[in-house]
Amino acid sequence: MSEAVLKIRNLSTSFRVSGDYYAAVDDVTLDVNKNEVLAIVGESGSGKSALALSLTKLHNPNYTRVEGEVLFGDKDLIMLDESELSSIRGGHISMIFQDALSALNPLLRVGSQIDEVLFYHTKMDAAQRKAYTIELLHSVGIVNPELAYTQYSYELSGGMRQRVMIAMALSCKPDLIIADEPTTALDVTIQAQILDLLRSIQKETKSSIILITHDLGVVAEMADRVAVMYAGQIVETASVWDLFANPQHPYTRSLLESIPNMDDQVERLHVIQGMVPPLHLMPRDGCRFSHRTPWVPQHIHETTPTLHEVGPGHYVRCSCYKEFSFEGRGGQVEAGTNAKGSEI
């Protein structure tokens, strides 16, 4: 079994709404293994980004409560103070934010922002830091790194800004990279380039990557293992092959069913009814996806859903997966087929 570089245990992150706290991340337990790309997938509002920011305590503590354990080596990151966390953020765990324009400081030149990371986490002198920064910018595919070094973030294209964010994340050769929607708002060609870059970097550096995304195409291309998140909970985890070949949870199957398939002659794509409820209205008992499958009898859901191992390393929350079928259809998805029933 692979050694875990990060162990998340019973992690809950609650936000204050009208004086009360509501969990956006609810009792999540996950391992991130060395040299692994773990994708966390789900709709907007499922809790993916809240989970990512919780791992290094980047939420505003004035209206956020984080409980549980995030074990990195022999340290529980949740228990560390800000000075201790600062030695880990950027140096051992780095993050690629989904909006590079907001994440980069518009008042500082690109080179200065990467230089700052190196200043805090390495013993390089100024000349060494500049040379290394230019080398980093070149390594992430920026054609004229000397010019980019002197530019401000607003002078760069979206793709170049994202490359700068990746260069910054890689600067100290971290053990773990958290990539939160790294291809958001980029056109398809640039998305492909960024994914190719992340893949090549992961192979070269052997860093682990947590990839936060709602794009199942990105998951299929990048991930080794997948955790499907809905309403703050992990509802299914499996290897990427098992997840696409044999999806089990109704939510996972619904996500896959909504993907266009060139082999299917259908007039309309599958649409998941309803939406992820807001925090203060989110059901806390029973299967949280049940209100979006009203045709499914309530008795097939567990009162307190737990994760069940349905295969080696393949876990599913709630026993409703055993009897679930789409509205107007009978039968189950057989092993070795995807959600649309075509062989993989």
C-alpha atoms as a PDB file:
ATOM      1  CA  MET A   1       0.000   0.000   0.000  1.00  0.00           C
ATOM      2  CA  SER A   2       1.252   3.496  -0.836  1.00  0.00           C
ATOM      3  CA  GLU A   3       2.436   5.704   2.003  1.00  0.00           C
ATOM      4  CA  ALA A   4       0.154   8.632   2.749  1.00  0.00           C
ATOM      5  CA  VAL A   5       1.694  12.097   2.522  1.00  0.00           C
ATOM      6  CA  LEU A   6      -1.454  13.678   4.039  1.00  0.00           C
ATOM      7  CA  LYS A   7      -4.075  12.101   6.280  1.00  0.00           C
ATOM      8  CA  ILE A   8      -7.417  13.875   6.705  1.00  0.00           C
ATOM      9  CA  ARG A   9      -9.402  12.574   9.656  1.00  0.00           C
ATOM     10  CA  ASN A  10     -13.010  13.571  10.519  1.00  0.00           C
ATOM     11  CA  LEU A  11     -12.490  17.058   9.129  1.00  0.00           C
ATOM     12  CA  SER A  12     -15.417  19.465   9.493  1.00  0.00           C
ATOM     13  CA  THR A  13     -15.457  23.109   8.429  1.00  0.00           C
ATOM     14  CA  SER A  14     -18.408  25.218   9.533  1.00  0.00           C
ATOM     15  CA  PHE A  15     -19.309  28.760   8.512  1.00  0.00           C
ATOM     16  CA  ARG A  16     -21.286  31.189  10.594  1.00  0.00           C
ATOM     17  CA  VAL A  17     -24.630  32.102   9.067  1.00  0.00           C
ATOM     18  CA  SER A  18     -26.923  34.441  11.046  1.00  0.00           C
ATOM     19  CA  GLY A  19     -25.157  33.580  14.282  1.00  0.00           C
ATOM     20  CA  ASP A  20     -25.193  29.779  13.873  1.00  0.00           C
ATOM     21  CA  TYR A  21     -22.497  27.521  12.407  1.00  0.00           C
ATOM     22  CA  TYR A  22     -23.277  25.143   9.534  1.00  0.00           C
ATOM     23  CA  ALA A  23     -20.845  22.526   8.200  1.00  0.00           C
ATOM     24  CA  ALA A  24     -19.785  22.977   4.567  1.00  0.00           C
ATOM     25  CA  VAL A  25     -17.275  20.141   5.016  1.00  0.00           C
ATOM     26  CA  ASP A  26     -18.818  17.431   7.173  1.00  0.00           C
ATOM     27  CA  ASP A  27     -16.726  14.663   8.771  1.00  0.00           C
ATOM     28  CA  VAL A  28     -14.402  14.040   5.795  1.00  0.00           C
ATOM     29  CA  THR A  29     -11.746  11.326   6.070  1.00  0.00           C
ATOM     30  CA  LEU A  30      -9.272  10.867   3.199  1.00  0.00           C
ATOM     31  CA  ASP A  31      -5.655   9.893   2.537  1.00  0.00           C
ATOM     32  CA  VAL A  32      -3.462  11.456  -0.125  1.00  0.00           C
ATOM     33  CA  ASN A  33      -0.707   9.042  -1.121  1.00  0.00           C
ATOM     34  CA  LYS A  34       2.791   9.856  -2.264  1.00  0.00           C
ATOM     35  CA  ASN A  35       3.184  10.477  -6.006  1.00  0.00           C
ATOM     36  CA  GLU A  36      -0.600  10.387  -6.478  1.00  0.00           C
ATOM     37  CA  VAL A  37      -3.131  12.668  -8.138  1.00  0.00           C
ATOM     38  CA  LEU A  38      -6.297  12.608  -6.041  1.00  0.00           C
ATOM     39  CA  ALA A  39      -9.226  14.355  -7.713  1.00  0.00           C
ATOM     40  CA  ILE A  40     -12.058  15.740  -5.597  1.00  0.00           C
ATOM     41  CA  VAL A  41     -15.073  16.218  -7.821  1.00  0.00           C
ATOM     42  CA  GLY A  42     -18.585  17.578  -7.397  1.00  0.00           C
ATOM     43  CA  GLU A  43     -20.934  20.412  -8.294  1.00  0.00           C
ATOM     44  CA  SER A  44     -20.405  23.994  -7.173  1.00  0.00           C
ATOM     45  CA  GLY A  45     -21.484  24.198  -3.548  1.00  0.00           C
ATOM     46  CA  SER A  46     -20.450  20.631  -2.721  1.00  0.00           C
ATOM     47  CA  GLY A  47     -17.667  21.793  -0.379  1.00  0.00           C
ATOM     48  CA  LYS A  48     -14.607  21.104  -2.551  1.00  0.00           C
ATOM     49  CA  SER A  49     -12.913  24.494  -2.233  1.00  0.00           C
ATOM     50  CA  ALA A  50     -13.911  24.772   1.434  1.00  0.00           C
ATOM     51  CA  LEU A  51     -12.097  21.476   1.986  1.00  0.00           C
ATOM     52  CA  ALA A  52      -9.015  22.628   0.062  1.00  0.00           C
ATOM     53  CA  LEU A  53      -8.696  25.866   2.028  1.00  0.00           C
ATOM     54  CA  SER A  54      -9.232  24.036   5.319  1.00  0.00           C
ATOM     55  CA  LEU A  55      -6.176  21.847   4.837  1.00  0.00           C
ATOM     56  CA  THR A  56      -3.804  24.725   5.572  1.00  0.00           C
ATOM     57  CA  LYS A  57      -6.255  26.867   7.582  1.00  0.00           C
ATOM     58  CA  LEU A  58      -6.717  29.580   4.977  1.00  0.00           C
ATOM     59  CA  HIS A  59     -10.289  30.382   6.033  1.00  0.00           C
ATOM     60  CA  ASN A  60     -11.009  33.537   8.013  1.00  0.00           C
ATOM     61  CA  PRO A  61     -11.154  32.328  11.636  1.00  0.00           C
ATOM     62  CA  ASN A  62     -13.612  35.096  12.558  1.00  0.00           C
ATOM     63  CA  TYR A  63     -16.497  33.275  10.900  1.00  0.00           C
ATOM     64  CA  THR A  64     -15.120  29.749  10.346  1.00  0.00           C
ATOM     65  CA  ARG A  65     -14.717  26.785  12.690  1.00  0.00           C
ATOM     66  CA  VAL A  66     -12.427  23.920  11.616  1.00  0.00           C
ATOM     67  CA  GLU A  67     -12.416  20.624  13.552  1.00  0.00           C
ATOM     68  CA  GLY A  68     -10.751  17.261  13.055  1.00  0.00           C
ATOM     69  CA  GLU A  69      -7.202  16.361  12.064  1.00  0.00           C
ATOM     70  CA  VAL A  70      -5.026  17.085   9.029  1.00  0.00           C
ATOM     71  CA  LEU A  71      -1.884  15.037   9.575  1.00  0.00           C
ATOM     72  CA  PHE A  72       1.201  16.011   7.583  1.00  0.00           C
ATOM     73  CA  GLY A  73       4.097  13.878   8.747  1.00  0.00           C
ATOM     74  CA  ASP A  74       4.046  14.059  12.540  1.00  0.00           C
ATOM     75  CA  LYS A  75       2.177  17.377  12.626  1.00  0.00           C
ATOM     76  CA  ASP A  76      -1.540  18.100  12.870  1.00  0.00           C
ATOM     77  CA  LEU A  77      -1.932  21.223  10.741  1.00  0.00           C
ATOM     78  CA  ILE A  78      -5.192  22.155  12.478  1.00  0.00           C
ATOM     79  CA  MET A  79      -3.344  22.522  15.795  1.00  0.00           C
ATOM     80  CA  LEU A  80      -0.461  24.670  14.486  1.00  0.00           C
ATOM     81  CA  ASP A  81      -0.309  28.406  15.037  1.00  0.00           C
ATOM     82  CA  GLU A  82       0.164  30.875  12.188  1.00  0.00           C
ATOM     83  CA  SER A  83       3.966  31.036  12.434  1.00  0.00           C
ATOM     84  CA  GLU A  84       4.279  27.239  12.322  1.00  0.00           C
ATOM     85  CA  LEU A  85       1.887  27.028   9.385  1.00  0.00           C
ATOM     86  CA  SER A  86       3.850  29.675   7.492  1.00  0.00           C
ATOM     87  CA  SER A  87       6.873  27.379   7.433  1.00  0.00           C
ATOM     88  CA  ILE A  88       4.766  24.667   5.768  1.00  0.00           C
ATOM     89  CA  ARG A  89       2.655  26.745   3.380  1.00  0.00           C
ATOM     90  CA  GLY A  90       4.594  27.371   0.203  1.00  0.00           C
ATOM     91  CA  GLY A  91       7.542  25.279   1.319  1.00  0.00           C
ATOM     92  CA  HIS A  92       6.049  21.803   1.832  1.00  0.00           C
ATOM     93  CA  ILE A  93       2.431  22.326   0.763  1.00  0.00           C
ATOM     94  CA  SER A  94       1.612  24.793  -2.006  1.00  0.00           C
ATOM     95  CA  MET A  95      -1.641  25.861  -3.609  1.00  0.00           C
ATOM     96  CA  ILE A  96      -2.726  26.834  -7.103  1.00  0.00           C
ATOM     97  CA  PHE A  97      -5.823  29.008  -6.717  1.00  0.00           C
ATOM     98  CA  GLN A  98      -8.648  28.944  -9.239  1.00  0.00           C
ATOM     99  CA  ASP A  99      -8.553  32.679  -9.979  1.00  0.00           C
ATOM    100  CA  ALA A 100      -4.952  33.676 -10.659  1.00  0.00           C
ATOM    101  CA  LEU A 101      -5.901  37.313 -11.264  1.00  0.00           C
ATOM    102  CA  SER A 102      -7.271  37.600  -7.711  1.00  0.00           C
ATOM    103  CA  ALA A 103      -4.544  35.456  -6.163  1.00  0.00           C
ATOM    104  CA  LEU A 104      -1.641  37.473  -7.604  1.00  0.00           C
ATOM    105  CA  ASN A 105      -0.883  40.898  -6.132  1.00  0.00           C
ATOM    106  CA  PRO A 106      -1.539  43.538  -8.835  1.00  0.00           C
ATOM    107  CA  LEU A 107       0.851  45.985  -7.123  1.00  0.00           C
ATOM    108  CA  LEU A 108       3.899  43.713  -7.256  1.00  0.00           C
ATOM    109  CA  ARG A 109       5.807  42.497 -10.274  1.00  0.00           C
ATOM    110  CA  VAL A 110       5.601  38.772 -11.009  1.00  0.00           C
ATOM    111  CA  GLY A 111       9.266  38.213 -10.219  1.00  0.00           C
ATOM    112  CA  SER A 112       8.932  39.864  -6.799  1.00  0.00           C
ATOM    113  CA  GLN A 113       6.050  37.596  -5.823  1.00  0.00           C
ATOM    114  CA  ILE A 114       7.912  34.387  -6.624  1.00  0.00           C
ATOM    115  CA  ASP A 115      11.071  35.843  -5.060  1.00  0.00           C
ATOM    116  CA  GLU A 116       9.163  36.366  -1.801  1.00  0.00           C
ATOM    117  CA  VAL A 117       8.391  32.632  -1.533  1.00  0.00           C
ATOM    118  CA  LEU A 118      12.060  31.778  -2.089  1.00  0.00           C
ATOM    119  CA  PHE A 119      13.169  34.425   0.420  1.00  0.00           C
ATOM    120  CA  TYR A 120      11.094  32.853   3.200  1.00  0.00           C
ATOM    121  CA  HIS A 121      11.758  29.193   2.432  1.00  0.00           C
ATOM    122  CA  THR A 122      15.305  28.981   1.009  1.00  0.00           C
ATOM    123  CA  LYS A 123      18.790  30.305   1.744  1.00  0.00           C
ATOM    124  CA  MET A 124      19.363  31.666  -1.764  1.00  0.00           C
ATOM    125  CA  ASP A 125      20.788  35.158  -2.136  1.00  0.00           C
ATOM    126  CA  ALA A 126      19.081  37.791  -4.315  1.00  0.00           C
ATOM    127  CA  ALA A 127      20.977  36.925  -7.493  1.00  0.00           C
ATOM    128  CA  GLN A 128      20.300  33.209  -7.087  1.00  0.00           C
ATOM    129  CA  ARG A 129      16.610  33.837  -6.437  1.00  0.00           C
ATOM    130  CA  LYS A 130      16.269  35.939  -9.594  1.00  0.00           C
ATOM    131  CA  ALA A 131      18.057  33.380 -11.767  1.00  0.00           C
ATOM    132  CA  TYR A 132      15.980  30.541 -10.321  1.00  0.00           C
ATOM    133  CA  THR A 133      12.714  32.479 -10.746  1.00  0.00           C
ATOM    134  CA  ILE A 134      13.459  33.106 -14.421  1.00  0.00           C
ATOM    135  CA  GLU A 135      14.289  29.409 -14.791  1.00  0.00           C
ATOM    136  CA  LEU A 136      10.957  28.501 -13.162  1.00  0.00           C
ATOM    137  CA  LEU A 137       9.015  30.806 -15.490  1.00  0.00           C
ATOM    138  CA  HIS A 138      10.742  29.200 -18.463  1.00  0.00           C
ATOM    139  CA  SER A 139      10.026  25.690 -17.130  1.00  0.00           C
ATOM    140  CA  VAL A 140       6.253  26.365 -17.040  1.00  0.00           C
ATOM    141  CA  GLY A 141       6.227  27.390 -20.694  1.00  0.00           C
ATOM    142  CA  ILE A 142       6.484  31.183 -20.590  1.00  0.00           C
ATOM    143  CA  VAL A 143       8.281  32.103 -23.816  1.00  0.00           C
ATOM    144  CA  ASN A 144       9.993  35.280 -22.594  1.00  0.00           C
ATOM    145  CA  PRO A 145      10.587  34.683 -18.851  1.00  0.00           C
ATOM    146  CA  GLU A 146      12.918  37.684 -18.466  1.00  0.00           C
ATOM    147  CA  LEU A 147      10.104  40.001 -19.594  1.00  0.00           C
ATOM    148  CA  ALA A 148       7.451  38.202 -17.519  1.00  0.00           C
ATOM    149  CA  TYR A 149       9.701  38.616 -14.461  1.00  0.00           C
ATOM    150  CA  THR A 150       9.300  42.404 -14.715  1.00  0.00           C
ATOM    151  CA  GLN A 151       5.587  42.491 -15.553  1.00  0.00           C
ATOM    152  CA  TYR A 152       2.493  42.925 -13.385  1.00  0.00           C
ATOM    153  CA  SER A 153      -0.215  40.257 -13.313  1.00  0.00           C
ATOM    154  CA  TYR A 154      -2.740  42.435 -15.153  1.00  0.00           C
ATOM    155  CA  GLU A 155      -0.316  42.658 -18.099  1.00  0.00           C
ATOM    156  CA  LEU A 156      -0.454  38.894 -18.620  1.00  0.00           C
ATOM    157  CA  SER A 157      -3.051  36.689 -20.312  1.00  0.00           C
ATOM    158  CA  GLY A 158      -5.130  34.270 -18.259  1.00  0.00           C
ATOM    159  CA  GLY A 159      -3.007  31.315 -19.338  1.00  0.00           C
ATOM    160  CA  MET A 160       0.242  33.105 -18.463  1.00  0.00           C
ATOM    161  CA  ARG A 161      -1.097  34.111 -15.045  1.00  0.00           C
ATOM    162  CA  GLN A 162      -1.980  30.505 -14.330  1.00  0.00           C
ATOM    163  CA  ARG A 163       1.526  29.458 -15.386  1.00  0.00           C
ATOM    164  CA  VAL A 164       2.947  32.024 -12.962  1.00  0.00           C
ATOM    165  CA  MET A 165       0.798  30.519 -10.189  1.00  0.00           C
ATOM    166  CA  ILE A 166       2.138  27.059 -11.057  1.00  0.00           C
ATOM    167  CA  ALA A 167       5.721  28.363 -11.064  1.00  0.00           C
ATOM    168  CA  MET A 168       5.150  29.877  -7.628  1.00  0.00           C
ATOM    169  CA  ALA A 169       3.638  26.629  -6.344  1.00  0.00           C
ATOM    170  CA  LEU A 170       6.630  24.644  -7.625  1.00  0.00           C
ATOM    171  CA  SER A 171       9.307  27.034  -6.434  1.00  0.00           C
ATOM    172  CA  CYS A 172      10.203  25.116  -3.266  1.00  0.00           C
ATOM    173  CA  LYS A 173       9.609  21.620  -4.645  1.00  0.00           C
ATOM    174  CA  PRO A 174       6.681  20.872  -2.302  1.00  0.00           C
ATOM    175  CA  ASP A 175       5.566  17.434  -1.197  1.00  0.00           C
ATOM    176  CA  LEU A 176       1.939  18.294  -1.932  1.00  0.00           C
ATOM    177  CA  ILE A 177       0.271  20.652  -4.417  1.00  0.00           C
ATOM    178  CA  ILE A 178      -3.387  21.608  -3.960  1.00  0.00           C
ATOM    179  CA  ALA A 179      -4.799  22.693  -7.330  1.00  0.00           C
ATOM    180  CA  ASP A 180      -8.220  24.331  -6.930  1.00  0.00           C
ATOM    181  CA  GLU A 181      -9.948  24.430 -10.331  1.00  0.00           C
ATOM    182  CA  PRO A 182      -6.644  25.221 -12.125  1.00  0.00           C
ATOM    183  CA  THR A 183      -8.271  25.514 -15.565  1.00  0.00           C
ATOM    184  CA  THR A 184     -11.281  27.664 -14.627  1.00  0.00           C
ATOM    185  CA  ALA A 185     -12.030  30.528 -17.081  1.00  0.00           C
ATOM    186  CA  LEU A 186      -9.365  29.356 -19.551  1.00  0.00           C
ATOM    187  CA  ASP A 187     -10.202  28.448 -23.141  1.00  0.00           C
ATOM    188  CA  VAL A 188     -10.021  24.802 -24.193  1.00  0.00           C
ATOM    189  CA  THR A 189      -6.591  25.034 -25.828  1.00  0.00           C
ATOM    190  CA  ILE A 190      -5.018  26.698 -22.793  1.00  0.00           C
ATOM    191  CA  GLN A 191      -6.761  24.238 -20.472  1.00  0.00           C
ATOM    192  CA  ALA A 192      -5.106  21.358 -22.318  1.00  0.00           C
ATOM    193  CA  GLN A 193      -1.704  23.047 -22.067  1.00  0.00           C
ATOM    194  CA  ILE A 194      -2.094  23.635 -18.315  1.00  0.00           C
ATOM    195  CA  LEU A 195      -3.158  20.012 -17.724  1.00  0.00           C
ATOM    196  CA  ASP A 196      -0.215  18.736 -19.781  1.00  0.00           C
ATOM    197  CA  LEU A 197       2.062  20.972 -17.732  1.00  0.00           C
ATOM    198  CA  LEU A 198       0.683  19.699 -14.407  1.00  0.00           C
ATOM    199  CA  ARG A 199       0.986  16.104 -15.570  1.00  0.00           C
ATOM    200  CA  SER A 200       4.609  16.498 -16.679  1.00  0.00           C
ATOM    201  CA  ILE A 201       5.500  18.330 -13.451  1.00  0.00           C
ATOM    202  CA  GLN A 202       3.941  15.603 -11.328  1.00  0.00           C
ATOM    203  CA  LYS A 203       5.923  12.923 -13.154  1.00  0.00           C
ATOM    204  CA  GLU A 204       9.151  14.889 -12.833  1.00  0.00           C
ATOM    205  CA  THR A 205       8.880  16.032  -9.206  1.00  0.00           C
ATOM    206  CA  LYS A 206       6.931  13.037  -7.788  1.00  0.00           C
ATOM    207  CA  SER A 207       4.802  15.525  -5.830  1.00  0.00           C
ATOM    208  CA  SER A 208       1.324  14.514  -4.763  1.00  0.00           C
ATOM    209  CA  ILE A 209      -1.536  16.591  -6.152  1.00  0.00           C
ATOM    210  CA  ILE A 210      -5.035  17.222  -4.808  1.00  0.00           C
ATOM    211  CA  LEU A 211      -6.993  18.284  -7.876  1.00  0.00           C
ATOM    212  CA  ILE A 212     -10.251  20.102  -7.100  1.00  0.00           C
ATOM    213  CA  THR A 213     -12.570  20.161 -10.114  1.00  0.00           C
ATOM    214  CA  HIS A 214     -16.134  19.773 -11.359  1.00  0.00           C
ATOM    215  CA  ASP A 215     -14.927  18.667 -14.810  1.00  0.00           C
ATOM    216  CA  LEU A 216     -15.067  14.887 -15.192  1.00  0.00           C
ATOM    217  CA  GLY A 217     -13.032  15.114 -18.402  1.00  0.00           C
ATOM    218  CA  VAL A 218     -10.159  16.601 -16.385  1.00  0.00           C
ATOM    219  CA  VAL A 219     -10.608  13.837 -13.800  1.00  0.00           C
ATOM    220  CA  ALA A 220     -10.376  11.091 -16.435  1.00  0.00           C
ATOM    221  CA  GLU A 221      -7.234  12.637 -17.896  1.00  0.00           C
ATOM    222  CA  MET A 222      -5.359  13.528 -14.717  1.00  0.00           C
ATOM    223  CA  ALA A 223      -6.393  11.504 -11.682  1.00  0.00           C
ATOM    224  CA  ASP A 224      -5.177   8.245 -10.176  1.00  0.00           C
ATOM    225  CA  ARG A 225      -7.947   8.177  -7.593  1.00  0.00           C
ATOM    226  CA  VAL A 226     -11.217  10.078  -7.207  1.00  0.00           C
ATOM    227  CA  ALA A 227     -13.310  11.261  -4.263  1.00  0.00           C
ATOM    228  CA  VAL A 228     -16.832  12.372  -5.179  1.00  0.00           C
ATOM    229  CA  MET A 229     -18.154  15.076  -2.854  1.00  0.00           C
ATOM    230  CA  TYR A 230     -21.755  16.119  -2.340  1.00  0.00           C
ATOM    231  CA  ALA A 231     -23.274  18.442   0.289  1.00  0.00           C
ATOM    232  CA  GLY A 232     -20.087  18.440   2.344  1.00  0.00           C
ATOM    233  CA  GLN A 233     -19.655  14.659   2.441  1.00  0.00           C
ATOM    234  CA  ILE A 234     -17.561  12.182   0.484  1.00  0.00           C
ATOM    235  CA  VAL A 235     -20.138   9.914  -1.162  1.00  0.00           C
ATOM    236  CA  GLU A 236     -17.807   7.690  -3.217  1.00  0.00           C
ATOM    237  CA  THR A 237     -14.087   7.025  -3.529  1.00  0.00           C
ATOM    238  CA  ALA A 238     -12.390   4.731  -6.024  1.00  0.00           C
ATOM    239  CA  SER A 239      -9.543   4.487  -8.485  1.00  0.00           C
ATOM    240  CA  VAL A 240     -10.251   6.548 -11.585  1.00  0.00           C
ATOM    241  CA  TRP A 241     -10.726   3.366 -13.607  1.00  0.00           C
ATOM    242  CA  ASP A 242     -13.220   1.856 -11.132  1.00  0.00           C
ATOM    243  CA  LEU A 243     -15.168   5.080 -10.842  1.00  0.00           C
ATOM    244  CA  PHE A 244     -15.751   5.449 -14.576  1.00  0.00           C
ATOM    245  CA  ALA A 245     -16.139   1.726 -15.251  1.00  0.00           C
ATOM    246  CA  ASN A 246     -18.387   0.903 -12.316  1.00  0.00           C
ATOM    247  CA  PRO A 247     -19.942   4.003 -10.677  1.00  0.00           C
ATOM    248  CA  GLN A 248     -22.167   3.124  -7.726  1.00  0.00           C
ATOM    249  CA  HIS A 249     -23.545   6.099  -5.815  1.00  0.00           C
ATOM    250  CA  PRO A 250     -26.644   7.702  -7.414  1.00  0.00           C
ATOM    251  CA  TYR A 251     -24.878  11.079  -7.434  1.00  0.00           C
ATOM    252  CA  THR A 252     -21.796   9.716  -9.217  1.00  0.00           C
ATOM    253  CA  ARG A 253     -23.970   7.932 -11.757  1.00  0.00           C
ATOM    254  CA  SER A 254     -26.030  11.083 -12.295  1.00  0.00           C
ATOM    255  CA  LEU A 255     -22.891  13.151 -12.929  1.00  0.00           C
ATOM    256  CA  LEU A 256     -21.606  10.630 -15.451  1.00  0.00           C
ATOM    257  CA  GLU A 257     -25.009  10.329 -17.077  1.00  0.00           C
ATOM    258  CA  SER A 258     -25.025  14.065 -17.774  1.00  0.00           C
ATOM    259  CA  ILE A 259     -21.849  13.886 -19.897  1.00  0.00           C
ATOM    260  CA  PRO A 260     -22.454  13.950 -23.682  1.00  0.00           C
ATOM    261  CA  ASN A 261     -21.705  10.614 -25.338  1.00  0.00           C
ATOM    262  CA  MET A 262     -21.104  10.553 -29.101  1.00  0.00           C
ATOM    263  CA  ASP A 263     -22.246   6.930 -29.268  1.00  0.00           C
ATOM    264  CA  ASP A 264     -25.697   7.678 -27.869  1.00  0.00           C
ATOM    265  CA  GLN A 265     -28.523   8.864 -30.098  1.00  0.00           C
ATOM    266  CA  VAL A 266     -30.468  10.894 -27.531  1.00  0.00           C
ATOM    267  CA  GLU A 267     -32.350  14.146 -27.958  1.00  0.00           C
ATOM    268  CA  ARG A 268     -31.685  15.447 -24.448  1.00  0.00           C
ATOM    269  CA  LEU A 269     -28.915  15.030 -21.910  1.00  0.00           C
ATOM    270  CA  HIS A 270     -29.716  13.792 -18.444  1.00  0.00           C
ATOM    271  CA  VAL A 271     -30.359  16.667 -16.015  1.00  0.00           C
ATOM    272  CA  ILE A 272     -29.970  16.229 -12.255  1.00  0.00           C
ATOM    273  CA  GLN A 273     -33.102  17.567 -10.559  1.00  0.00           C
ATOM    274  CA  GLY A 274     -32.732  20.476  -8.145  1.00  0.00           C
ATOM    275  CA  MET A 275     -29.455  21.801  -6.800  1.00  0.00           C
ATOM    276  CA  VAL A 276     -27.115  21.578  -3.832  1.00  0.00           C
ATOM    277  CA  PRO A 277     -29.051  23.214  -0.970  1.00  0.00           C
ATOM    278  CA  PRO A 278     -27.617  26.252   0.850  1.00  0.00           C
ATOM    279  CA  LEU A 279     -25.784  25.548   4.101  1.00  0.00           C
ATOM    280  CA  HIS A 280     -28.544  26.587   6.474  1.00  0.00           C
ATOM    281  CA  LEU A 281     -31.132  24.473   4.616  1.00  0.00           C
ATOM    282  CA  MET A 282     -28.971  21.417   4.009  1.00  0.00           C
ATOM    283  CA  PRO A 283     -30.495  18.182   5.396  1.00  0.00           C
ATOM    284  CA  ARG A 284     -28.222  16.692   8.057  1.00  0.00           C
ATOM    285  CA  ASP A 285     -29.997  13.350   8.483  1.00  0.00           C
ATOM    286  CA  GLY A 286     -30.411  10.539   5.991  1.00  0.00           C
ATOM    287  CA  CYS A 287     -29.071  10.436   2.450  1.00  0.00           C
ATOM    288  CA  ARG A 288     -28.383  14.038   1.405  1.00  0.00           C
ATOM    289  CA  PHE A 289     -28.939  13.287  -2.279  1.00  0.00           C
ATOM    290  CA  SER A 290     -32.378  11.714  -1.756  1.00  0.00           C
ATOM    291  CA  HIS A 291     -34.333  14.952  -2.296  1.00  0.00           C
ATOM    292  CA  ARG A 292     -32.940  15.091  -5.856  1.00  0.00           C
ATOM    293  CA  THR A 293     -34.178  11.580  -6.666  1.00  0.00           C
ATOM    294  CA  PRO A 294     -37.782  11.805  -5.408  1.00  0.00           C
ATOM    295  CA  TRP A 295     -38.900   8.768  -7.433  1.00  0.00           C
ATOM    296  CA  VAL A 296     -36.639   6.524  -5.334  1.00  0.00           C
ATOM    297  CA  PRO A 297     -38.452   4.985  -2.293  1.00  0.00           C
ATOM    298  CA  GLN A 298     -37.221   6.419   0.991  1.00  0.00           C
ATOM    299  CA  HIS A 299     -36.881   2.997   2.604  1.00  0.00           C
ATOM    300  CA  ILE A 300     -33.817   2.118   0.499  1.00  0.00           C
ATOM    301  CA  HIS A 301     -31.838   4.971   2.116  1.00  0.00           C
ATOM    302  CA  GLU A 302     -29.996   4.591   5.400  1.00  0.00           C
ATOM    303  CA  THR A 303     -31.049   6.750   8.337  1.00  0.00           C
ATOM    304  CA  THR A 304     -27.394   7.464   9.081  1.00  0.00           C
ATOM    305  CA  PRO A 305     -25.499   6.756   5.850  1.00  0.00           C
ATOM    306  CA  THR A 306     -22.014   5.306   6.194  1.00  0.00           C
ATOM    307  CA  LEU A 307     -19.312   4.361   3.695  1.00  0.00           C
ATOM    308  CA  HIS A 308     -19.442   0.752   2.476  1.00  0.00           C
ATOM    309  CA  GLU A 309     -16.542  -1.028   0.758  1.00  0.00           C
ATOM    310  CA  VAL A 310     -17.961  -2.462  -2.471  1.00  0.00           C
ATOM    311  CA  GLY A 311     -14.594  -3.474  -3.901  1.00  0.00           C
ATOM    312  CA  PRO A 312     -10.885  -3.093  -3.151  1.00  0.00           C
ATOM    313  CA  GLY A 313     -10.410   0.601  -2.362  1.00  0.00           C
ATOM    314  CA  HIS A 314     -13.925   1.421  -3.621  1.00  0.00           C
ATOM    315  CA  TYR A 315     -16.246   2.971  -1.014  1.00  0.00           C
ATOM    316  CA  VAL A 316     -19.843   4.205  -1.363  1.00  0.00           C
ATOM    317  CA  ARG A 317     -21.978   6.123   1.142  1.00  0.00           C
ATOM    318  CA  CYS A 318     -25.503   4.840   1.866  1.00  0.00           C
ATOM    319  CA  SER A 319     -26.920   1.500   0.753  1.00  0.00           C
ATOM    320  CA  CYS A 320     -29.291   3.203  -1.719  1.00  0.00           C
ATOM    321  CA  TYR A 321     -26.824   2.412  -4.508  1.00  0.00           C
ATOM    322  CA  LYS A 322     -27.972  -1.221  -4.412  1.00  0.00           C
ATOM    323  CA  GLU A 323     -31.493  -0.463  -5.687  1.00  0.00           C
ATOM    324  CA  PHE A 324     -31.076   2.867  -7.457  1.00  0.00           C
ATOM    325  CA  SER A 325     -32.257   3.309 -11.040  1.00  0.00           C
ATOM    326  CA  PHE A 326     -32.927   6.426 -13.091  1.00  0.00           C
ATOM    327  CA  GLU A 327     -36.477   7.738 -13.346  1.00  0.00           C
ATOM    328  CA  GLY A 328     -38.475   5.763 -15.867  1.00  0.00           C
ATOM    329  CA  ARG A 329     -35.832   3.040 -16.136  1.00  0.00           C
ATOM    330  CA  GLY A 330     -35.421  -0.211 -14.310  1.00  0.00           C
ATOM    331  CA  GLY A 331     -32.404  -2.348 -13.568  1.00  0.00           C
ATOM    332  CA  GLN A 332     -28.907  -1.600 -12.401  1.00  0.00           C
ATOM    333  CA  VAL A 333     -25.690  -0.540 -14.063  1.00  0.00           C
ATOM    334  CA  GLU A 334     -23.668  -3.696 -14.418  1.00  0.00           C
ATOM    335  CA  ALA A 335     -19.996  -3.949 -13.510  1.00  0.00           C
ATOM    336  CA  GLY A 336     -17.703  -3.086 -16.384  1.00  0.00           C
ATOM    337  CA  THR A 337     -20.037  -0.473 -17.851  1.00  0.00           C
ATOM    338  CA  ASN A 338     -20.243   3.245 -17.417  1.00  0.00           C
ATOM    339  CA  ALA A 339     -23.324   5.182 -16.340  1.00  0.00           C
ATOM    340  CA  LYS A 340     -24.770   5.046 -19.848  1.00  0.00           C
ATOM    341  CA  GLY A 341     -24.317   1.285 -20.058  1.00  0.00           C
ATOM    342  CA  SER A 342     -21.618   1.279 -22.747  1.00  0.00           C
ATOM    343  CA  GLU A 343     -18.525  -0.855 -22.222  1.00  0.00           C
ATOM    344  CA  ILE A 344     -15.272   0.732 -21.083  1.00  0.00           C
END
